[in-house]
Amino acid sequence: MMETLLLGLSEVSNMNVLLAILIGALIGVTIGSIPGLEPAGVMAILLPLSFSMEPLAGVTLLLGVYGGAWYGGAIPAILMNTPGTPVAVLTTYDGYPMAKRGEGKKALSIAYTASFVGGVISVLSLVLLAPLLSQIATHFGSAEFAMLAVLGMIFVVLAHRKHVLEAAMMLGLGIFLGTVGLDRSYNTQTYTFNQEWLLGGIPLVPAVIGLFAMSQAFVLLSQKGGDSQVTKLTGDGFFGGALTLLKHKITVIRSATLGVVMGLLPGVGEFGSQFFSYTLAQKFSNNPENFGNGEPAGLIASETSNNAVTASVMIPLLAFGIPADALMAMLLAVFMVHNYIPGPTLFAERPEFISGLYISLFMMNVIVFLYLSVATRWIVNLTRIRGRFIGAFILVLGFIGSYSQNYQFSDALIALGFAVFGYMLRKNDIPAVPIILGLVLGPVFLTRFKQALGVSNGDLSIFLTRPISLTLLSLTVGSILIYAWSQLKSRQAVTP
């Protein structure tokens, strides 16, 4: 263990890795501080750049953006009543009322400290659980990986509780897009229409840039209005949050645990963990009526839970090679470019990389916490940047990023097509994440499914006779039945 730790420290001590951690964290905080920007879009733009970096530096750059954004999202949520990131919605419930009554610095201190505690616990969960689950993955064959891919896709769909039908349709579209290209099993073209630029399939990077970055740019360009109004930053200093967390330590532990568990479930992530954490905090509170009116426990539950997801969401990726969301799909692309195949072999062959990743994630949380504690008074000014200016900047970077990966104009056109489609999805409140998960997990399922049938000579019972495969299939069917039952009960409750 000590030898692996020293190898990890050697990896992290590389100047390129240290710069990637620092720059990624600062970019993430900046993104979270500006309402309208999302980490997925900026990560998509940085994705081609990360391919040209060393493996650990490329991964930590994206993870710094990912983790830092959740910290920074609390600033506009508390001072403007506007979530800086989508997962900061519940932070507005109690953070903004605290700022309105002159406790803005206290609210931010609580948010930063809760985020730091949640982030550190998440990293510890990654250190403990990822190697354990990777050992379980050694017992996986084609049938198990096929069922795991199905379970992941089903979770992604069911996570969009109010838009399950739309999510299922977008997942199906993503799976279809994943079949485009050259089928190497039979050496035939699939849905290419004899277009050479489609022989390699739909490229992931332009699709991600278009759906998440450029579509958001179109939204920002279409907005009207001037600078945002920010509540004045008043109250005590930024270092009193720890005392408040000690008073609510049960809420901290419960919220962090929920965040870690929810991070393991594909498609659930920060939204699910925040909702359950906030609900339970209110249920077990002695003053539930204070929630929504500036209750510190509500702010703690929200910020602890969403940051407890940031590292635990990597566990399925590292252990099984299955991304839990679109952001992890981007990380998977970085791994694959450098021929780092997630799973048991990665832990055995690249222990220095895994150890370096753990240390990098911990350092990222420390850097972000210290940076926000001393620089918030200046970061607040970022909330006043006009959305149209940001949109134009992102659009230019999106075109450059999509073109620069392979230097093909067709990639830029693909990104533009996905951008227009993504913009329409946003305007109609239709989730876009299932498209990317379908594009990534669809080919995994189809390939593994064919391999399993090849081993069993076409006998479908292979999925029922293998214990792990049967367990995963049962979880899939059970999840669908539970959702159907809950929908039926909801309709019966509404019907007089």
Protein backbone atom coordinates (compact mmCIF):
# COMPACT_ATOMS: atom_id res chain seq x y z
CA MET A 1 0.00 0.00 0.00
CA MET A 2 2.78 2.43 0.96
CA GLU A 3 4.67 1.61 -2.23
CA THR A 4 1.58 2.32 -4.34
CA LEU A 5 1.03 5.59 -2.48
CA LEU A 6 4.59 6.67 -3.19
CA LEU A 7 4.13 5.81 -6.86
CA GLY A 8 0.97 7.91 -6.89
CA LEU A 9 2.76 10.84 -5.28
CA SER A 10 5.46 10.54 -7.92
CA GLU A 11 2.80 10.72 -10.64
CA VAL A 12 1.09 13.76 -9.08
CA SER A 13 4.38 15.59 -8.51
CA ASN A 14 4.70 15.90 -12.29
CA MET A 15 4.35 19.62 -13.11
CA ASN A 16 1.87 18.89 -15.93
CA VAL A 17 -0.42 17.04 -13.52
CA LEU A 18 -0.18 19.75 -10.87
CA LEU A 19 -1.04 22.41 -13.44
CA ALA A 20 -3.96 20.31 -14.71
CA ILE A 21 -5.36 19.99 -11.16
CA LEU A 22 -4.99 23.73 -10.51
CA ILE A 23 -6.30 24.94 -13.87
CA GLY A 24 -9.17 22.44 -13.92
CA ALA A 25 -10.27 23.41 -10.42
CA LEU A 26 -10.15 27.15 -11.16
CA ILE A 27 -12.03 26.71 -14.44
CA GLY A 28 -14.63 24.62 -12.62
CA VAL A 29 -15.20 27.25 -9.94
CA THR A 30 -15.49 29.93 -12.63
CA ILE A 31 -18.06 27.90 -14.57
CA GLY A 32 -20.14 27.25 -11.48
CA SER A 33 -20.07 30.94 -10.57
CA ILE A 34 -21.58 32.04 -13.89
CA PRO A 35 -25.32 31.29 -14.19
CA GLY A 36 -26.14 29.60 -17.48
CA LEU A 37 -22.86 27.74 -17.87
CA GLU A 38 -22.70 24.01 -17.20
CA PRO A 39 -19.65 21.84 -16.49
CA ALA A 40 -20.70 19.33 -19.15
CA GLY A 41 -20.37 21.93 -21.90
CA VAL A 42 -16.94 23.16 -20.85
CA MET A 43 -15.71 19.60 -20.26
CA ALA A 44 -16.83 18.79 -23.79
CA ILE A 45 -14.82 21.71 -25.18
CA LEU A 46 -11.74 20.65 -23.17
CA LEU A 47 -12.10 17.00 -24.19
CA PRO A 48 -9.96 17.22 -27.38
CA LEU A 49 -7.26 19.06 -25.41
CA SER A 50 -7.21 16.34 -22.75
CA PHE A 51 -6.50 13.72 -25.43
CA SER A 52 -3.14 15.37 -26.15
CA MET A 53 -2.12 15.45 -22.48
CA GLU A 54 -0.62 12.74 -20.30
CA PRO A 55 -3.35 10.31 -19.10
CA LEU A 56 -3.45 11.47 -15.47
CA ALA A 57 -3.20 15.14 -16.42
CA GLY A 58 -6.03 14.82 -18.97
CA VAL A 59 -8.33 13.03 -16.54
CA THR A 60 -7.62 15.40 -13.63
CA LEU A 61 -8.21 18.45 -15.85
CA LEU A 62 -11.75 17.27 -16.59
CA LEU A 63 -12.36 16.12 -13.00
CA GLY A 64 -11.19 19.49 -11.71
CA VAL A 65 -13.78 21.21 -13.90
CA TYR A 66 -16.42 18.71 -12.79
CA GLY A 67 -15.75 18.98 -9.04
CA GLY A 68 -14.96 22.69 -8.95
CA ALA A 69 -18.22 23.60 -10.70
CA TRP A 70 -20.34 22.07 -7.92
CA TYR A 71 -18.49 24.23 -5.37
CA GLY A 72 -18.84 27.41 -7.44
CA GLY A 73 -22.51 26.81 -8.20
CA ALA A 74 -23.36 27.75 -4.62
CA ILE A 75 -22.28 31.38 -5.14
CA PRO A 76 -25.08 32.54 -7.50
CA ALA A 77 -27.51 30.15 -5.81
CA ILE A 78 -26.99 31.90 -2.46
CA LEU A 79 -26.43 35.49 -3.61
CA MET A 80 -28.77 35.62 -6.63
CA ASN A 81 -31.34 32.86 -6.01
CA THR A 82 -30.14 31.47 -9.37
CA PRO A 83 -28.41 28.05 -9.44
CA GLY A 84 -24.94 28.30 -10.94
CA THR A 85 -25.20 24.62 -11.88
CA PRO A 86 -28.38 22.56 -12.29
CA VAL A 87 -27.66 20.61 -9.09
CA ALA A 88 -27.58 23.79 -6.97
CA VAL A 89 -31.36 24.25 -7.11
CA LEU A 90 -31.96 23.09 -3.53
CA THR A 91 -29.11 25.32 -2.36
CA THR A 92 -31.26 28.33 -3.24
CA TYR A 93 -34.01 27.19 -0.85
CA ASP A 94 -32.09 28.09 2.31
CA GLY A 95 -28.96 29.82 1.02
CA TYR A 96 -30.73 32.79 -0.56
CA PRO A 97 -32.97 33.54 2.48
CA MET A 98 -29.82 33.57 4.63
CA ALA A 99 -28.17 36.05 2.25
CA LYS A 100 -31.30 38.23 2.23
CA ARG A 101 -31.16 38.59 6.00
CA GLY A 102 -27.48 39.58 5.94
CA GLU A 103 -25.86 36.16 6.42
CA GLY A 104 -24.41 35.74 2.93
CA LYS A 105 -20.85 35.03 4.09
CA LYS A 106 -22.10 32.53 6.67
CA ALA A 107 -24.20 30.73 4.05
CA LEU A 108 -21.26 30.54 1.65
CA SER A 109 -18.97 29.31 4.44
CA ILE A 110 -21.44 26.54 5.27
CA ALA A 111 -21.77 25.63 1.59
CA TYR A 112 -18.00 25.51 1.02
CA THR A 113 -17.33 23.45 4.15
CA ALA A 114 -20.19 21.04 3.44
CA SER A 115 -18.97 20.64 -0.13
CA PHE A 116 -15.43 19.95 1.07
CA VAL A 117 -16.55 17.33 3.58
CA GLY A 118 -18.78 15.67 0.99
CA GLY A 119 -15.99 15.73 -1.58
CA VAL A 120 -13.41 14.19 0.77
CA ILE A 121 -15.81 11.43 1.87
CA SER A 122 -16.54 10.75 -1.80
CA VAL A 123 -12.81 10.34 -2.53
CA LEU A 124 -12.47 7.96 0.43
CA SER A 125 -15.39 5.90 -0.90
CA LEU A 126 -13.65 5.71 -4.27
CA VAL A 127 -10.42 4.51 -2.61
CA LEU A 128 -12.25 1.80 -0.64
CA LEU A 129 -14.93 0.61 -3.06
CA ALA A 130 -13.38 0.83 -6.53
CA PRO A 131 -10.69 -1.86 -5.93
CA LEU A 132 -13.25 -4.09 -4.20
CA LEU A 133 -15.75 -3.87 -7.06
CA SER A 134 -12.99 -4.31 -9.63
CA GLN A 135 -12.27 -7.70 -8.05
CA ILE A 136 -15.92 -8.60 -8.46
CA ALA A 137 -15.60 -7.56 -12.11
CA THR A 138 -13.03 -10.35 -12.64
CA HIS A 139 -15.97 -12.77 -12.48
CA PHE A 140 -17.79 -10.95 -15.28
CA GLY A 141 -18.11 -12.45 -18.73
CA SER A 142 -19.92 -11.22 -21.84
CA ALA A 143 -23.35 -12.06 -20.40
CA GLU A 144 -22.67 -10.08 -17.21
CA PHE A 145 -21.35 -7.01 -19.03
CA ALA A 146 -24.34 -7.07 -21.39
CA MET A 147 -26.78 -7.11 -18.46
CA LEU A 148 -24.78 -4.42 -16.63
CA ALA A 149 -25.05 -2.19 -19.70
CA VAL A 150 -28.80 -2.80 -19.81
CA LEU A 151 -29.13 -2.00 -16.09
CA GLY A 152 -27.19 1.22 -16.60
CA MET A 153 -29.39 2.31 -19.49
CA ILE A 154 -32.58 1.50 -17.59
CA PHE A 155 -31.41 3.50 -14.56
CA VAL A 156 -30.64 6.47 -16.80
CA VAL A 157 -34.16 6.39 -18.21
CA LEU A 158 -35.92 5.88 -14.86
CA ALA A 159 -33.87 8.67 -13.27
CA HIS A 160 -35.82 11.16 -15.42
CA ARG A 161 -39.00 10.47 -13.49
CA LYS A 162 -41.07 13.22 -15.11
CA HIS A 163 -39.75 12.53 -18.60
CA VAL A 164 -39.32 8.75 -18.73
CA LEU A 165 -40.92 8.36 -22.15
CA GLU A 166 -38.81 11.15 -23.65
CA ALA A 167 -35.67 9.75 -21.98
CA ALA A 168 -36.42 6.28 -23.39
CA MET A 169 -36.82 7.75 -26.87
CA MET A 170 -33.53 9.65 -26.60
CA LEU A 171 -31.80 6.51 -25.31
CA GLY A 172 -33.13 4.60 -28.30
CA LEU A 173 -31.84 7.33 -30.60
CA GLY A 174 -28.42 7.10 -28.96
CA ILE A 175 -28.35 3.31 -29.36
CA PHE A 176 -29.30 3.70 -33.02
CA LEU A 177 -26.55 6.27 -33.60
CA GLY A 178 -24.11 3.85 -31.98
CA THR A 179 -24.82 1.30 -34.74
CA VAL A 180 -23.80 3.68 -37.53
CA GLY A 181 -20.51 2.82 -39.20
CA LEU A 182 -18.61 -0.28 -40.21
CA ASP A 183 -19.76 -3.51 -38.57
CA ARG A 184 -16.48 -5.35 -38.19
CA SER A 185 -18.19 -8.64 -37.28
CA TYR A 186 -19.54 -9.00 -40.81
CA ASN A 187 -17.44 -6.33 -42.57
CA THR A 188 -20.58 -4.52 -43.71
CA GLN A 189 -21.64 -0.88 -43.58
CA THR A 190 -24.53 0.07 -41.30
CA TYR A 191 -26.58 3.20 -42.03
CA THR A 192 -23.64 4.95 -43.68
CA PHE A 193 -25.44 5.53 -47.00
CA ASN A 194 -22.04 5.07 -48.67
CA GLN A 195 -20.68 8.20 -46.98
CA GLU A 196 -17.00 7.68 -46.15
CA TRP A 197 -17.08 10.13 -43.24
CA LEU A 198 -19.60 7.86 -41.47
CA LEU A 199 -17.51 4.68 -41.73
CA GLY A 200 -16.00 5.33 -38.30
CA GLY A 201 -19.43 5.89 -36.78
CA ILE A 202 -20.82 8.96 -35.05
CA PRO A 203 -17.81 10.49 -33.23
CA LEU A 204 -18.40 10.95 -29.52
CA VAL A 205 -16.51 14.23 -29.05
CA PRO A 206 -18.42 16.34 -31.64
CA ALA A 207 -21.69 14.82 -30.40
CA VAL A 208 -20.91 15.77 -26.78
CA ILE A 209 -19.68 19.26 -27.73
CA GLY A 210 -22.78 19.89 -29.81
CA LEU A 211 -25.33 18.53 -27.33
CA PHE A 212 -23.92 20.12 -24.19
CA ALA A 213 -21.70 23.07 -25.09
CA MET A 214 -22.94 24.57 -28.36
CA SER A 215 -26.64 24.00 -27.58
CA GLN A 216 -26.13 25.89 -24.31
CA ALA A 217 -24.43 28.64 -26.30
CA PHE A 218 -27.56 28.98 -28.45
CA VAL A 219 -29.66 29.26 -25.28
CA LEU A 220 -27.41 32.03 -23.92
CA LEU A 221 -27.42 33.87 -27.25
CA SER A 222 -31.21 33.85 -27.31
CA GLN A 223 -31.53 35.38 -23.83
CA LYS A 224 -32.44 39.01 -23.31
CA GLY A 225 -31.57 41.37 -20.51
CA GLY A 226 -28.52 42.94 -18.95
CA ASP A 227 -26.39 42.23 -15.94
CA SER A 228 -27.70 40.16 -13.07
CA GLN A 229 -28.60 41.61 -9.70
CA VAL A 230 -26.53 40.21 -6.84
CA THR A 231 -27.36 40.33 -3.15
CA LYS A 232 -24.63 42.14 -1.22
CA LEU A 233 -22.02 39.94 0.40
CA THR A 234 -22.45 40.66 4.10
CA GLY A 235 -22.04 38.90 7.42
CA ASP A 236 -19.17 37.17 9.22
CA GLY A 237 -16.06 35.69 7.61
CA PHE A 238 -15.73 32.56 5.48
CA PHE A 239 -14.26 30.25 8.11
CA GLY A 240 -17.20 29.63 10.46
CA GLY A 241 -18.88 26.89 8.46
CA ALA A 242 -17.06 24.08 10.28
CA LEU A 243 -18.73 24.95 13.58
CA THR A 244 -22.16 24.85 11.97
CA LEU A 245 -21.42 21.45 10.42
CA LEU A 246 -20.39 20.09 13.83
CA LYS A 247 -23.81 21.11 15.19
CA HIS A 248 -25.46 19.14 12.37
CA LYS A 249 -23.03 16.22 12.11
CA ILE A 250 -25.81 13.63 11.73
CA THR A 251 -27.14 15.52 8.70
CA VAL A 252 -23.61 15.66 7.28
CA ILE A 253 -23.03 11.91 7.68
CA ARG A 254 -26.46 10.97 6.33
CA SER A 255 -26.19 13.31 3.33
CA ALA A 256 -22.65 12.18 2.47
CA THR A 257 -23.67 8.52 2.67
CA LEU A 258 -26.65 9.12 0.40
CA GLY A 259 -24.44 10.99 -2.05
CA VAL A 260 -21.95 8.13 -2.23
CA VAL A 261 -24.68 5.53 -2.73
CA MET A 262 -26.52 7.59 -5.35
CA GLY A 263 -23.26 8.13 -7.22
CA LEU A 264 -23.06 4.38 -7.80
CA LEU A 265 -26.41 4.33 -9.59
CA PRO A 266 -26.26 5.32 -13.29
CA GLY A 267 -28.35 8.37 -14.13
CA VAL A 268 -29.29 9.17 -10.52
CA GLY A 269 -26.27 11.12 -9.28
CA GLU A 270 -26.49 14.59 -7.77
CA PHE A 271 -30.19 15.21 -8.38
CA GLY A 272 -31.35 12.07 -6.60
CA SER A 273 -28.92 12.47 -3.72
CA GLN A 274 -29.89 16.11 -3.16
CA PHE A 275 -33.60 15.38 -3.18
CA PHE A 276 -33.41 12.49 -0.72
CA SER A 277 -30.87 14.22 1.53
CA TYR A 278 -32.90 17.42 1.76
CA THR A 279 -36.14 15.51 2.34
CA LEU A 280 -34.64 13.39 5.13
CA ALA A 281 -32.96 16.41 6.73
CA GLN A 282 -36.33 18.14 6.91
CA LYS A 283 -38.10 14.99 8.15
CA PHE A 284 -35.68 14.43 11.05
CA SER A 285 -35.31 18.10 11.95
CA ASN A 286 -36.70 19.55 15.16
CA ASN A 287 -37.70 22.64 13.16
CA PRO A 288 -38.94 21.37 9.78
CA GLU A 289 -40.92 24.57 9.24
CA ASN A 290 -37.64 26.51 8.94
CA PHE A 291 -36.61 24.66 5.79
CA GLY A 292 -36.93 26.96 2.81
CA ASN A 293 -36.54 30.01 5.05
CA GLY A 294 -32.80 29.96 5.71
CA GLU A 295 -32.24 26.73 7.66
CA PRO A 296 -28.51 25.82 7.77
CA ALA A 297 -29.31 22.09 7.90
CA GLY A 298 -31.05 22.33 4.54
CA LEU A 299 -28.04 24.05 3.00
CA ILE A 300 -25.73 21.42 4.52
CA ALA A 301 -27.83 18.54 3.18
CA SER A 302 -27.87 19.99 -0.33
CA GLU A 303 -24.17 20.82 -0.64
CA THR A 304 -22.81 17.75 1.17
CA SER A 305 -24.83 15.30 -0.90
CA ASN A 306 -24.11 16.72 -4.35
CA ASN A 307 -20.34 16.86 -3.71
CA ALA A 308 -20.34 13.36 -2.22
CA VAL A 309 -21.27 12.13 -5.69
CA THR A 310 -18.29 13.65 -7.55
CA ALA A 311 -15.82 10.81 -6.88
CA SER A 312 -18.18 7.91 -6.13
CA VAL A 313 -19.72 8.33 -9.60
CA MET A 314 -16.33 7.17 -10.92
CA ILE A 315 -16.56 3.79 -9.18
CA PRO A 316 -18.67 2.06 -11.89
CA LEU A 317 -16.35 3.53 -14.53
CA LEU A 318 -13.10 2.38 -12.91
CA ALA A 319 -14.38 -1.01 -11.72
CA PHE A 320 -16.51 -2.09 -14.69
CA GLY A 321 -15.81 0.38 -17.49
CA ILE A 322 -19.46 1.49 -17.42
CA PRO A 323 -20.02 5.29 -17.30
CA ALA A 324 -22.79 6.38 -14.94
CA ASP A 325 -23.52 9.64 -16.79
CA ALA A 326 -22.46 11.73 -19.78
CA LEU A 327 -19.59 13.32 -17.86
CA MET A 328 -18.12 9.91 -17.05
CA ALA A 329 -18.56 8.96 -20.71
CA MET A 330 -16.17 11.80 -21.52
CA LEU A 331 -13.65 10.44 -19.02
CA LEU A 332 -14.02 7.00 -20.58
CA ALA A 333 -13.07 8.55 -23.92
CA VAL A 334 -9.86 9.91 -22.35
CA PHE A 335 -9.04 6.48 -20.91
CA MET A 336 -9.59 4.76 -24.24
CA VAL A 337 -7.49 7.25 -26.22
CA HIS A 338 -4.52 6.41 -23.99
CA ASN A 339 -5.32 2.66 -24.07
CA TYR A 340 -6.14 2.62 -20.36
CA ILE A 341 -8.97 0.07 -20.18
CA PRO A 342 -11.03 0.55 -16.99
CA GLY A 343 -11.53 -2.60 -14.94
CA PRO A 344 -9.47 -5.09 -12.93
CA THR A 345 -6.53 -4.95 -15.37
CA LEU A 346 -6.17 -1.19 -14.84
CA PHE A 347 -5.77 -1.67 -11.09
CA ALA A 348 -3.23 -4.46 -11.65
CA GLU A 349 -1.22 -2.89 -14.47
CA ARG A 350 -1.42 0.83 -13.59
CA PRO A 351 -1.48 1.09 -9.77
CA GLU A 352 0.51 4.34 -9.95
CA PHE A 353 -2.19 5.89 -12.15
CA ILE A 354 -4.99 4.81 -9.80
CA SER A 355 -3.13 6.04 -6.72
CA GLY A 356 -2.27 9.31 -8.48
CA LEU A 357 -5.94 9.76 -9.37
CA TYR A 358 -6.98 9.39 -5.73
CA ILE A 359 -4.39 11.95 -4.59
CA SER A 360 -5.35 14.35 -7.40
CA LEU A 361 -9.01 14.27 -6.39
CA PHE A 362 -8.14 15.01 -2.78
CA MET A 363 -5.84 17.87 -3.80
CA MET A 364 -8.56 19.29 -6.04
CA ASN A 365 -10.96 19.55 -3.09
CA VAL A 366 -8.33 21.24 -0.93
CA ILE A 367 -7.38 23.74 -3.66
CA VAL A 368 -10.99 24.66 -4.43
CA PHE A 369 -11.91 25.07 -0.76
CA LEU A 370 -8.94 27.32 0.01
CA TYR A 371 -9.40 29.33 -3.18
CA LEU A 372 -13.07 30.01 -2.51
CA SER A 373 -12.41 30.87 1.13
CA VAL A 374 -10.11 33.75 0.16
CA ALA A 375 -11.29 34.82 -3.29
CA THR A 376 -15.12 34.81 -3.14
CA ARG A 377 -15.36 38.61 -2.95
CA TRP A 378 -13.76 38.82 -6.41
CA ILE A 379 -15.42 35.70 -7.87
CA VAL A 380 -18.83 37.27 -7.21
CA ASN A 381 -18.14 39.72 -10.05
CA LEU A 382 -18.27 36.82 -12.55
CA THR A 383 -22.02 36.62 -12.00
CA ARG A 384 -22.41 39.94 -13.82
CA ILE A 385 -20.97 38.74 -17.15
CA ARG A 386 -23.55 38.96 -19.93
CA GLY A 387 -24.91 35.64 -21.13
CA ARG A 388 -24.71 36.56 -24.83
CA PHE A 389 -20.98 37.24 -24.59
CA ILE A 390 -20.43 33.85 -22.94
CA GLY A 391 -22.62 32.15 -25.55
CA ALA A 392 -20.66 33.59 -28.48
CA PHE A 393 -17.37 32.58 -26.85
CA ILE A 394 -18.55 29.00 -26.23
CA LEU A 395 -19.85 28.68 -29.80
CA VAL A 396 -16.45 29.60 -31.25
CA LEU A 397 -14.64 27.22 -28.89
CA GLY A 398 -17.13 24.48 -29.74
CA PHE A 399 -16.37 24.69 -33.46
CA ILE A 400 -12.63 24.76 -32.79
CA GLY A 401 -12.79 21.82 -30.39
CA SER A 402 -14.90 19.60 -32.64
CA TYR A 403 -12.70 20.30 -35.66
CA SER A 404 -9.33 20.02 -33.91
CA GLN A 405 -9.68 16.38 -32.80
CA ASN A 406 -9.38 14.86 -36.30
CA TYR A 407 -9.08 18.04 -38.38
CA GLN A 408 -12.17 17.05 -40.37
CA PHE A 409 -14.77 19.60 -41.35
CA SER A 410 -17.43 16.88 -41.13
CA ASP A 411 -16.87 16.71 -37.34
CA ALA A 412 -17.67 20.41 -37.02
CA LEU A 413 -20.86 19.88 -39.06
CA ILE A 414 -21.83 16.94 -36.84
CA ALA A 415 -21.32 19.13 -33.77
CA LEU A 416 -23.48 21.84 -35.32
CA GLY A 417 -26.22 19.32 -36.09
CA PHE A 418 -26.20 18.03 -32.52
CA ALA A 419 -26.14 21.64 -31.27
CA VAL A 420 -29.33 22.53 -33.13
CA PHE A 421 -30.96 19.30 -31.99
CA GLY A 422 -29.78 19.87 -28.41
CA TYR A 423 -31.16 23.41 -28.47
CA MET A 424 -34.58 22.07 -29.48
CA LEU A 425 -34.40 19.48 -26.70
CA ARG A 426 -33.58 22.18 -24.12
CA LYS A 427 -36.44 24.38 -25.29
CA ASN A 428 -38.87 21.47 -24.92
CA ASP A 429 -37.40 20.23 -21.63
CA ILE A 430 -36.36 16.88 -23.12
CA PRO A 431 -33.26 15.25 -21.56
CA ALA A 432 -30.19 14.94 -23.78
CA VAL A 433 -28.02 12.83 -21.47
CA PRO A 434 -29.63 9.50 -22.53
CA ILE A 435 -28.43 10.10 -26.09
CA ILE A 436 -24.78 10.06 -25.02
CA LEU A 437 -25.29 7.08 -22.72
CA GLY A 438 -27.02 5.24 -25.55
CA LEU A 439 -24.19 6.15 -27.91
CA VAL A 440 -21.63 4.75 -25.43
CA LEU A 441 -23.46 1.85 -23.77
CA GLY A 442 -25.43 0.73 -26.84
CA PRO A 443 -22.38 -0.68 -28.66
CA VAL A 444 -21.16 -2.25 -25.38
CA PHE A 445 -24.47 -4.08 -24.99
CA LEU A 446 -24.70 -5.18 -28.62
CA THR A 447 -21.10 -6.42 -28.73
CA ARG A 448 -21.31 -8.29 -25.42
CA PHE A 449 -24.76 -9.67 -26.25
CA LYS A 450 -23.46 -11.14 -29.52
CA GLN A 451 -20.41 -12.57 -27.76
CA ALA A 452 -22.59 -14.22 -25.10
CA LEU A 453 -24.84 -15.77 -27.75
CA GLY A 454 -21.75 -16.96 -29.63
CA VAL A 455 -20.47 -18.74 -26.52
CA SER A 456 -23.88 -20.37 -25.87
CA ASN A 457 -24.58 -21.23 -29.53
CA GLY A 458 -27.55 -18.88 -29.57
CA ASP A 459 -29.08 -20.09 -26.30
CA LEU A 460 -30.62 -17.11 -24.47
CA SER A 461 -30.71 -19.07 -21.21
CA ILE A 462 -27.06 -18.08 -20.68
CA PHE A 463 -28.36 -14.86 -19.14
CA LEU A 464 -30.44 -16.86 -16.65
CA THR A 465 -28.03 -19.65 -15.74
CA ARG A 466 -25.13 -17.40 -14.67
CA PRO A 467 -25.75 -16.04 -11.12
CA ILE A 468 -24.34 -12.51 -11.61
CA SER A 469 -26.08 -12.08 -14.97
CA LEU A 470 -29.36 -13.29 -13.46
CA THR A 471 -28.96 -10.87 -10.52
CA LEU A 472 -28.38 -7.91 -12.85
CA LEU A 473 -31.32 -8.93 -15.04
CA SER A 474 -33.52 -9.25 -11.94
CA LEU A 475 -32.47 -5.76 -10.82
CA THR A 476 -33.38 -4.42 -14.24
CA VAL A 477 -36.83 -6.06 -14.29
CA GLY A 478 -37.41 -5.14 -10.64
CA SER A 479 -36.56 -1.47 -11.29
CA ILE A 480 -39.05 -1.33 -14.15
CA LEU A 481 -41.77 -3.02 -12.09
CA ILE A 482 -41.21 -0.71 -9.11
CA TYR A 483 -41.43 2.34 -11.36
CA ALA A 484 -44.61 1.01 -13.02
CA TRP A 485 -46.14 0.29 -9.60
CA SER A 486 -45.30 3.77 -8.30
CA GLN A 487 -46.84 5.37 -11.39
CA LEU A 488 -49.98 3.28 -10.98
CA LYS A 489 -50.30 4.25 -7.31
CA SER A 490 -49.80 7.94 -8.21
CA ARG A 491 -52.58 7.82 -10.78
CA GLN A 492 -54.91 6.05 -8.35
CA ALA A 493 -54.19 8.74 -5.74
CA VAL A 494 -55.06 11.49 -8.23
CA THR A 495 -58.21 9.77 -9.48
CA PRO A 496 -61.12 10.56 -7.09
